[in-house]
Structure formats: structure tokens, C-alpha cells
Amino acid sequence: MLAVSYQLRDESLLNARKTSTLALGINCLSLVTGTVVGTWVAVPPTQERQEISSIVPILVGVGLGELIGFVLALIVIWISRE
């Protein structure tokens, strides 16, 4: 009986580790995407001089990327629990 409970615990820990790794990967990817989009908004590729006049669009992009990543990570965790 004890071996079965250890096996169930190990499987549960493995599933939790896989889910958390996937959620962390989604969150990091959305952070990078938010940073790229924020930088692109702050310094459009068509702009002649590549200089940043304000850091606010970059911070907004990072914030939006974090929020989107957080929501996607929660959805992944919620779906994998079923």
C-alpha cells in the first residue's frame, strides 16, 4: 500500500513540474514578446534616427506581455488539471 502512495505522489509531482515548466515558458515568451512590441512602438522601424524618446511604451508593452502571459499560464494550468 505504501509503494502505491509513493508512486501516486511521484506521478503527481511529475505532472505538476511539467505544468509549471510549461506555464513559466509561456510567461517568459510573452514577456519577451511584450518587450519587442513595446520597443517597436517606442522606436518604429521606419523612424530615421533610432533613438528612444520615452521608455513608457516599452514598459507598457512589458506590462501587457506579463498580463497576457499570466492569463495564458493560468489557462494552461487550469486545462491540465482536468
PDB file of N, CA and C in Angstrom:
ATOM      1  N   MET A   1       0.829  -1.201   0.000  1.00  0.00           N
ATOM      2  CA  MET A   1       0.000   0.000   0.000  1.00  0.00           C
ATOM      3  C   MET A   1       0.866   1.254   0.000  1.00  0.00           C
ATOM      4  N   LEU A   2       1.955   1.207   0.754  1.00  0.00           N
ATOM      5  CA  LEU A   2       2.829   2.369   0.851  1.00  0.00           C
ATOM      6  C   LEU A   2       3.509   2.667  -0.487  1.00  0.00           C
ATOM      7  N   ALA A   3       3.886   1.616  -1.206  1.00  0.00           N
ATOM      8  CA  ALA A   3       4.545   1.818  -2.502  1.00  0.00           C
ATOM      9  C   ALA A   3       3.597   2.476  -3.509  1.00  0.00           C
ATOM     10  N   VAL A   4       2.323   2.134  -3.434  1.00  0.00           N
ATOM     11  CA  VAL A   4       1.342   2.720  -4.347  1.00  0.00           C
ATOM     12  C   VAL A   4       1.189   4.213  -4.072  1.00  0.00           C
ATOM     13  N   SER A   5       1.155   4.587  -2.793  1.00  0.00           N
ATOM     14  CA  SER A   5       1.007   6.012  -2.466  1.00  0.00           C
ATOM     15  C   SER A   5       2.245   6.797  -2.890  1.00  0.00           C
ATOM     16  N   TYR A   6       3.428   6.191  -2.753  1.00  0.00           N
ATOM     17  CA  TYR A   6       4.637   6.870  -3.224  1.00  0.00           C
ATOM     18  C   TYR A   6       4.615   7.037  -4.739  1.00  0.00           C
ATOM     19  N   GLN A   7       4.118   6.012  -5.440  1.00  0.00           N
ATOM     20  CA  GLN A   7       4.045   6.093  -6.896  1.00  0.00           C
ATOM     21  C   GLN A   7       3.066   7.186  -7.325  1.00  0.00           C
ATOM     22  N   LEU A   8       1.922   7.268  -6.668  1.00  0.00           N
ATOM     23  CA  LEU A   8       0.956   8.324  -6.984  1.00  0.00           C
ATOM     24  C   LEU A   8       1.528   9.702  -6.696  1.00  0.00           C
ATOM     25  N   ARG A   9       2.262   9.822  -5.586  1.00  0.00           N
ATOM     26  CA  ARG A   9       2.867  11.107  -5.238  1.00  0.00           C
ATOM     27  C   ARG A   9       3.903  11.505  -6.284  1.00  0.00           C
ATOM     28  N   ASP A  10       4.735  10.544  -6.707  1.00  0.00           N
ATOM     29  CA  ASP A  10       5.756  10.835  -7.711  1.00  0.00           C
ATOM     30  C   ASP A  10       5.129  11.248  -9.044  1.00  0.00           C
ATOM     31  N   GLU A  11       4.053  10.576  -9.451  1.00  0.00           N
ATOM     32  CA  GLU A  11       3.372  10.950 -10.691  1.00  0.00           C
ATOM     33  C   GLU A  11       2.754  12.339 -10.573  1.00  0.00           C
ATOM     34  N   SER A  12       2.198  12.627  -9.407  1.00  0.00           N
ATOM     35  CA  SER A  12       1.598  13.944  -9.188  1.00  0.00           C
ATOM     36  C   SER A  12       2.658  15.038  -9.246  1.00  0.00           C
ATOM     37  N   LEU A  13       3.811  14.796  -8.632  1.00  0.00           N
ATOM     38  CA  LEU A  13       4.894  15.778  -8.668  1.00  0.00           C
ATOM     39  C   LEU A  13       5.423  15.967 -10.084  1.00  0.00           C
ATOM     40  N   LEU A  14       5.517  14.894 -10.839  1.00  0.00           N
ATOM     41  CA  LEU A  14       5.983  14.986 -12.219  1.00  0.00           C
ATOM     42  C   LEU A  14       5.008  15.798 -13.067  1.00  0.00           C
ATOM     43  N   ASN A  15       3.715  15.553 -12.895  1.00  0.00           N
ATOM     44  CA  ASN A  15       2.713  16.328 -13.646  1.00  0.00           C
ATOM     45  C   ASN A  15       2.748  17.797 -13.254  1.00  0.00           C
ATOM     46  N   ALA A  16       2.902  18.078 -11.961  1.00  0.00           N
ATOM     47  CA  ALA A  16       2.977  19.470 -11.507  1.00  0.00           C
ATOM     48  C   ALA A  16       4.216  20.153 -12.075  1.00  0.00           C
ATOM     49  N   ARG A  17       5.329  19.433 -12.132  1.00  0.00           N
ATOM     50  CA  ARG A  17       6.562  20.008 -12.670  1.00  0.00           C
ATOM     51  C   ARG A  17       6.412  20.312 -14.154  1.00  0.00           C
ATOM     52  N   LYS A  18       5.801  19.407 -14.901  1.00  0.00           N
ATOM     53  CA  LYS A  18       5.592  19.643 -16.335  1.00  0.00           C
ATOM     54  C   LYS A  18       4.683  20.849 -16.562  1.00  0.00           C
ATOM     55  N   THR A  19       3.608  20.925 -15.784  1.00  0.00           N
ATOM     56  CA  THR A  19       2.664  22.033 -15.936  1.00  0.00           C
ATOM     57  C   THR A  19       3.319  23.360 -15.595  1.00  0.00           C
ATOM     58  N   SER A  20       4.064  23.396 -14.494  1.00  0.00           N
ATOM     59  CA  SER A  20       4.689  24.658 -14.089  1.00  0.00           C
ATOM     60  C   SER A  20       5.779  25.071 -15.074  1.00  0.00           C
ATOM     61  N   THR A  21       6.504  24.117 -15.637  1.00  0.00           N
ATOM     62  CA  THR A  21       7.517  24.443 -16.634  1.00  0.00           C
ATOM     63  C   THR A  21       6.873  25.040 -17.882  1.00  0.00           C
ATOM     64  N   LEU A  22       5.774  24.460 -18.309  1.00  0.00           N
ATOM     65  CA  LEU A  22       5.059  24.982 -19.475  1.00  0.00           C
ATOM     66  C   LEU A  22       4.507  26.379 -19.196  1.00  0.00           C
ATOM     67  N   ALA A  23       3.932  26.573 -18.016  1.00  0.00           N
ATOM     68  CA  ALA A  23       3.377  27.883 -17.663  1.00  0.00           C
ATOM     69  C   ALA A  23       4.482  28.937 -17.582  1.00  0.00           C
ATOM     70  N   LEU A  24       5.621  28.574 -17.022  1.00  0.00           N
ATOM     71  CA  LEU A  24       6.743  29.511 -16.931  1.00  0.00           C
ATOM     72  C   LEU A  24       7.272  29.854 -18.320  1.00  0.00           C
ATOM     73  N   GLY A  25       7.345  28.863 -19.194  1.00  0.00           N
ATOM     74  CA  GLY A  25       7.789  29.117 -20.565  1.00  0.00           C
ATOM     75  C   GLY A  25       6.856  30.065 -21.305  1.00  0.00           C
ATOM     76  N   ILE A  26       5.552  29.874 -21.132  1.00  0.00           N
ATOM     77  CA  ILE A  26       4.583  30.772 -21.770  1.00  0.00           C
ATOM     78  C   ILE A  26       4.739  32.183 -21.236  1.00  0.00           C
ATOM     79  N   ASN A  27       4.915  32.307 -19.922  1.00  0.00           N
ATOM     80  CA  ASN A  27       5.045  33.629 -19.314  1.00  0.00           C
ATOM     81  C   ASN A  27       6.311  34.332 -19.803  1.00  0.00           C
ATOM     82  N   CYS A  28       7.423  33.612 -19.882  1.00  0.00           N
ATOM     83  CA  CYS A  28       8.674  34.222 -20.360  1.00  0.00           C
ATOM     84  C   CYS A  28       8.568  34.623 -21.830  1.00  0.00           C
ATOM     85  N   LEU A  29       7.942  33.774 -22.628  1.00  0.00           N
ATOM     86  CA  LEU A  29       7.767  34.095 -24.044  1.00  0.00           C
ATOM     87  C   LEU A  29       6.905  35.341 -24.231  1.00  0.00           C
ATOM     88  N   SER A  30       5.860  35.466 -23.432  1.00  0.00           N
ATOM     89  CA  SER A  30       5.011  36.653 -23.560  1.00  0.00           C
ATOM     90  C   SER A  30       5.726  37.896 -23.045  1.00  0.00           C
ATOM     91  N   LEU A  31       6.609  37.736 -22.067  1.00  0.00           N
ATOM     92  CA  LEU A  31       7.401  38.881 -21.587  1.00  0.00           C
ATOM     93  C   LEU A  31       8.324  39.382 -22.696  1.00  0.00           C
ATOM     94  N   VAL A  32       8.992  38.461 -23.373  1.00  0.00           N
ATOM     95  CA  VAL A  32       9.883  38.845 -24.472  1.00  0.00           C
ATOM     96  C   VAL A  32       9.080  39.484 -25.604  1.00  0.00           C
ATOM     97  N   THR A  33       7.942  38.895 -25.924  1.00  0.00           N
ATOM     98  CA  THR A  33       7.096  39.453 -26.978  1.00  0.00           C
ATOM     99  C   THR A  33       6.612  40.849 -26.613  1.00  0.00           C
ATOM    100  N   GLY A  34       6.212  41.039 -25.363  1.00  0.00           N
ATOM    101  CA  GLY A  34       5.783  42.363 -24.911  1.00  0.00           C
ATOM    102  C   GLY A  34       6.899  43.382 -24.990  1.00  0.00           C
ATOM    103  N   THR A  35       8.118  42.965 -24.657  1.00  0.00           N
ATOM    104  CA  THR A  35       9.262  43.870 -24.744  1.00  0.00           C
ATOM    105  C   THR A  35       9.539  44.260 -26.194  1.00  0.00           C
ATOM    106  N   VAL A  36       9.483  43.282 -27.090  1.00  0.00           N
ATOM    107  CA  VAL A  36       9.728  43.562 -28.508  1.00  0.00           C
ATOM    108  C   VAL A  36       8.655  44.495 -29.060  1.00  0.00           C
ATOM    109  N   VAL A  37       7.403  44.222 -28.741  1.00  0.00           N
ATOM    110  CA  VAL A  37       6.316  45.072 -29.240  1.00  0.00           C
ATOM    111  C   VAL A  37       6.420  46.469 -28.644  1.00  0.00           C
ATOM    112  N   GLY A  38       6.724  46.564 -27.359  1.00  0.00           N
ATOM    113  CA  GLY A  38       6.880  47.876 -26.730  1.00  0.00           C
ATOM    114  C   GLY A  38       8.020  48.672 -27.334  1.00  0.00           C
ATOM    115  N   THR A  39       9.127  48.001 -27.624  1.00  0.00           N
ATOM    116  CA  THR A  39      10.258  48.677 -28.260  1.00  0.00           C
ATOM    117  C   THR A  39       9.897  49.104 -29.678  1.00  0.00           C
ATOM    118  N   TRP A  40       9.161  48.260 -30.385  1.00  0.00           N
ATOM    119  CA  TRP A  40       8.755  48.587 -31.746  1.00  0.00           C
ATOM    120  C   TRP A  40       7.824  49.795 -31.760  1.00  0.00           C
ATOM    121  N   VAL A  41       6.962  49.901 -30.736  1.00  0.00           N
ATOM    122  CA  VAL A  41       6.074  51.063 -30.647  1.00  0.00           C
ATOM    123  C   VAL A  41       6.878  52.311 -30.309  1.00  0.00           C
ATOM    124  N   ALA A  42       7.861  52.168 -29.405  1.00  0.00           N
ATOM    125  CA  ALA A  42       8.664  53.330 -28.996  1.00  0.00           C
ATOM    126  C   ALA A  42       9.561  53.807 -30.128  1.00  0.00           C
ATOM    127  N   VAL A  43      10.157  52.862 -30.861  1.00  0.00           N
ATOM    128  CA  VAL A  43      11.046  53.212 -31.970  1.00  0.00           C
ATOM    129  C   VAL A  43      10.576  52.448 -33.202  1.00  0.00           C
ATOM    130  N   PRO A  44       9.679  53.019 -33.987  1.00  0.00           N
ATOM    131  CA  PRO A  44       9.205  52.318 -35.186  1.00  0.00           C
ATOM    132  C   PRO A  44      10.353  52.050 -36.158  1.00  0.00           C
ATOM    133  N   PRO A  45      10.285  50.939 -36.885  1.00  0.00           N
ATOM    134  CA  PRO A  45      11.356  50.607 -37.826  1.00  0.00           C
ATOM    135  C   PRO A  45      11.518  51.643 -38.934  1.00  0.00           C
ATOM    136  N   THR A  46      10.476  52.417 -39.205  1.00  0.00           N
ATOM    137  CA  THR A  46      10.554  53.417 -40.269  1.00  0.00           C
ATOM    138  C   THR A  46      11.169  54.726 -39.795  1.00  0.00           C
ATOM    139  N   GLN A  47      11.398  54.826 -38.504  1.00  0.00           N
ATOM    140  CA  GLN A  47      11.967  56.065 -37.967  1.00  0.00           C
ATOM    141  C   GLN A  47      13.406  56.222 -38.446  1.00  0.00           C
ATOM    142  N   GLU A  48      13.751  57.436 -38.868  1.00  0.00           N
ATOM    143  CA  GLU A  48      15.084  57.689 -39.424  1.00  0.00           C
ATOM    144  C   GLU A  48      16.174  57.475 -38.368  1.00  0.00           C
ATOM    145  N   ARG A  49      16.054  58.169 -37.262  1.00  0.00           N
ATOM    146  CA  ARG A  49      17.047  58.021 -36.187  1.00  0.00           C
ATOM    147  C   ARG A  49      16.507  57.042 -35.155  1.00  0.00           C
ATOM    148  N   GLN A  50      17.316  56.082 -34.812  1.00  0.00           N
ATOM    149  CA  GLN A  50      16.898  55.066 -33.852  1.00  0.00           C
ATOM    150  C   GLN A  50      17.186  55.542 -32.433  1.00  0.00           C
ATOM    151  N   GLU A  51      16.352  56.440 -31.953  1.00  0.00           N
ATOM    152  CA  GLU A  51      16.537  56.912 -30.585  1.00  0.00           C
ATOM    153  C   GLU A  51      15.212  56.831 -29.848  1.00  0.00           C
ATOM    154  N   ILE A  52      15.306  56.469 -28.586  1.00  0.00           N
ATOM    155  CA  ILE A  52      14.114  56.292 -27.767  1.00  0.00           C
ATOM    156  C   ILE A  52      13.840  57.597 -27.035  1.00  0.00           C
ATOM    157  N   SER A  53      12.674  58.173 -27.296  1.00  0.00           N
ATOM    158  CA  SER A  53      12.327  59.432 -26.639  1.00  0.00           C
ATOM    159  C   SER A  53      11.678  59.191 -25.280  1.00  0.00           C
ATOM    160  N   SER A  54      11.059  58.030 -25.096  1.00  0.00           N
ATOM    161  CA  SER A  54      10.399  57.733 -23.834  1.00  0.00           C
ATOM    162  C   SER A  54      10.424  56.226 -23.595  1.00  0.00           C
ATOM    163  N   ILE A  55      10.577  55.839 -22.351  1.00  0.00           N
ATOM    164  CA  ILE A  55      10.604  54.421 -22.006  1.00  0.00           C
ATOM    165  C   ILE A  55       9.203  53.900 -21.695  1.00  0.00           C
ATOM    166  N   VAL A  56       8.238  54.782 -21.614  1.00  0.00           N
ATOM    167  CA  VAL A  56       6.876  54.401 -21.234  1.00  0.00           C
ATOM    168  C   VAL A  56       6.272  53.353 -22.180  1.00  0.00           C
ATOM    169  N   PRO A  57       6.365  53.487 -23.516  1.00  0.00           N
ATOM    170  CA  PRO A  57       5.787  52.443 -24.376  1.00  0.00           C
ATOM    171  C   PRO A  57       6.430  51.071 -24.163  1.00  0.00           C
ATOM    172  N   ILE A  58       7.719  51.060 -23.863  1.00  0.00           N
ATOM    173  CA  ILE A  58       8.384  49.781 -23.605  1.00  0.00           C
ATOM    174  C   ILE A  58       7.825  49.161 -22.336  1.00  0.00           C
ATOM    175  N   LEU A  59       7.659  49.977 -21.296  1.00  0.00           N
ATOM    176  CA  LEU A  59       7.115  49.464 -20.039  1.00  0.00           C
ATOM    177  C   LEU A  59       5.671  49.004 -20.199  1.00  0.00           C
ATOM    178  N   VAL A  60       4.901  49.724 -21.001  1.00  0.00           N
ATOM    179  CA  VAL A  60       3.518  49.308 -21.265  1.00  0.00           C
ATOM    180  C   VAL A  60       3.510  47.975 -22.010  1.00  0.00           C
ATOM    181  N   GLY A  61       4.397  47.822 -22.988  1.00  0.00           N
ATOM    182  CA  GLY A  61       4.492  46.559 -23.720  1.00  0.00           C
ATOM    183  C   GLY A  61       4.886  45.403 -22.821  1.00  0.00           C
ATOM    184  N   VAL A  62       5.838  45.638 -21.932  1.00  0.00           N
ATOM    185  CA  VAL A  62       6.257  44.594 -20.993  1.00  0.00           C
ATOM    186  C   VAL A  62       5.108  44.246 -20.055  1.00  0.00           C
ATOM    187  N   GLY A  63       4.406  45.265 -19.573  1.00  0.00           N
ATOM    188  CA  GLY A  63       3.276  45.015 -18.673  1.00  0.00           C
ATOM    189  C   GLY A  63       2.169  44.228 -19.342  1.00  0.00           C
ATOM    190  N   LEU A  64       1.839  44.610 -20.579  1.00  0.00           N
ATOM    191  CA  LEU A  64       0.813  43.861 -21.312  1.00  0.00           C
ATOM    192  C   LEU A  64       1.267  42.429 -21.590  1.00  0.00           C
ATOM    193  N   GLY A  65       2.539  42.269 -21.933  1.00  0.00           N
ATOM    194  CA  GLY A  65       3.069  40.924 -22.154  1.00  0.00           C
ATOM    195  C   GLY A  65       2.997  40.073 -20.903  1.00  0.00           C
ATOM    196  N   GLU A  66       3.306  40.661 -19.755  1.00  0.00           N
ATOM    197  CA  GLU A  66       3.219  39.933 -18.492  1.00  0.00           C
ATOM    198  C   GLU A  66       1.781  39.534 -18.184  1.00  0.00           C
ATOM    199  N   LEU A  67       0.847  40.449 -18.382  1.00  0.00           N
ATOM    200  CA  LEU A  67      -0.561  40.131 -18.108  1.00  0.00           C
ATOM    201  C   LEU A  67      -1.076  39.027 -19.030  1.00  0.00           C
ATOM    202  N   ILE A  68      -0.743  39.132 -20.314  1.00  0.00           N
ATOM    203  CA  ILE A  68      -1.169  38.097 -21.258  1.00  0.00           C
ATOM    204  C   ILE A  68      -0.536  36.757 -20.899  1.00  0.00           C
ATOM    205  N   GLY A  69       0.745  36.774 -20.551  1.00  0.00           N
ATOM    206  CA  GLY A  69       1.421  35.542 -20.151  1.00  0.00           C
ATOM    207  C   GLY A  69       0.830  34.941 -18.896  1.00  0.00           C
ATOM    208  N   PHE A  70       0.456  35.787 -17.941  1.00  0.00           N
ATOM    209  CA  PHE A  70      -0.148  35.309 -16.699  1.00  0.00           C
ATOM    210  C   PHE A  70      -1.479  34.624 -16.978  1.00  0.00           C
ATOM    211  N   VAL A  71      -2.297  35.243 -17.822  1.00  0.00           N
ATOM    212  CA  VAL A  71      -3.595  34.656 -18.164  1.00  0.00           C
ATOM    213  C   VAL A  71      -3.401  33.344 -18.920  1.00  0.00           C
ATOM    214  N   LEU A  72      -2.485  33.320 -19.885  1.00  0.00           N
ATOM    215  CA  LEU A  72      -2.232  32.078 -20.631  1.00  0.00           C
ATOM    216  C   LEU A  72      -1.701  30.975 -19.722  1.00  0.00           C
ATOM    217  N   ALA A  73      -0.823  31.338 -18.790  1.00  0.00           N
ATOM    218  CA  ALA A  73      -0.291  30.345 -17.859  1.00  0.00           C
ATOM    219  C   ALA A  73      -1.403  29.787 -16.971  1.00  0.00           C
ATOM    220  N   LEU A  74      -2.302  30.642 -16.503  1.00  0.00           N
ATOM    221  CA  LEU A  74      -3.429  30.159 -15.697  1.00  0.00           C
ATOM    222  C   LEU A  74      -4.336  29.238 -16.501  1.00  0.00           C
ATOM    223  N   ILE A  75      -4.551  29.568 -17.772  1.00  0.00           N
ATOM    224  CA  ILE A  75      -5.379  28.711 -18.625  1.00  0.00           C
ATOM    225  C   ILE A  75      -4.719  27.351 -18.812  1.00  0.00           C
ATOM    226  N   VAL A  76      -3.405  27.341 -19.034  1.00  0.00           N
ATOM    227  CA  VAL A  76      -2.683  26.069 -19.203  1.00  0.00           C
ATOM    228  C   VAL A  76      -2.780  25.229 -17.938  1.00  0.00           C
ATOM    229  N   ILE A  77      -2.602  25.859 -16.782  1.00  0.00           N
ATOM    230  CA  ILE A  77      -2.689  25.120 -15.519  1.00  0.00           C
ATOM    231  C   ILE A  77      -4.109  24.596 -15.318  1.00  0.00           C
ATOM    232  N   TRP A  78      -5.111  25.409 -15.621  1.00  0.00           N
ATOM    233  CA  TRP A  78      -6.496  25.003 -15.431  1.00  0.00           C
ATOM    234  C   TRP A  78      -6.862  23.839 -16.349  1.00  0.00           C
ATOM    235  N   ILE A  79      -6.414  23.894 -17.604  1.00  0.00           N
ATOM    236  CA  ILE A  79      -6.723  22.825 -18.555  1.00  0.00           C
ATOM    237  C   ILE A  79      -6.003  21.535 -18.175  1.00  0.00           C
ATOM    238  N   SER A  80      -4.775  21.632 -17.704  1.00  0.00           N
ATOM    239  CA  SER A  80      -4.006  20.423 -17.392  1.00  0.00           C
ATOM    240  C   SER A  80      -4.479  19.754 -16.108  1.00  0.00           C
ATOM    241  N   ARG A  81      -5.214  20.442 -15.270  1.00  0.00           N
ATOM    242  CA  ARG A  81      -5.738  19.843 -14.033  1.00  0.00           C
ATOM    243  C   ARG A  81      -6.865  18.862 -14.319  1.00  0.00           C
ATOM    244  N   GLU A  82      -7.543  19.022 -15.436  1.00  0.00           N
ATOM    245  CA  GLU A  82      -8.700  18.167 -15.730  1.00  0.00           C
ATOM    246  C   GLU A  82      -8.297  16.817 -16.231  1.00  0.00           C
TER     247      GLU A  82
END
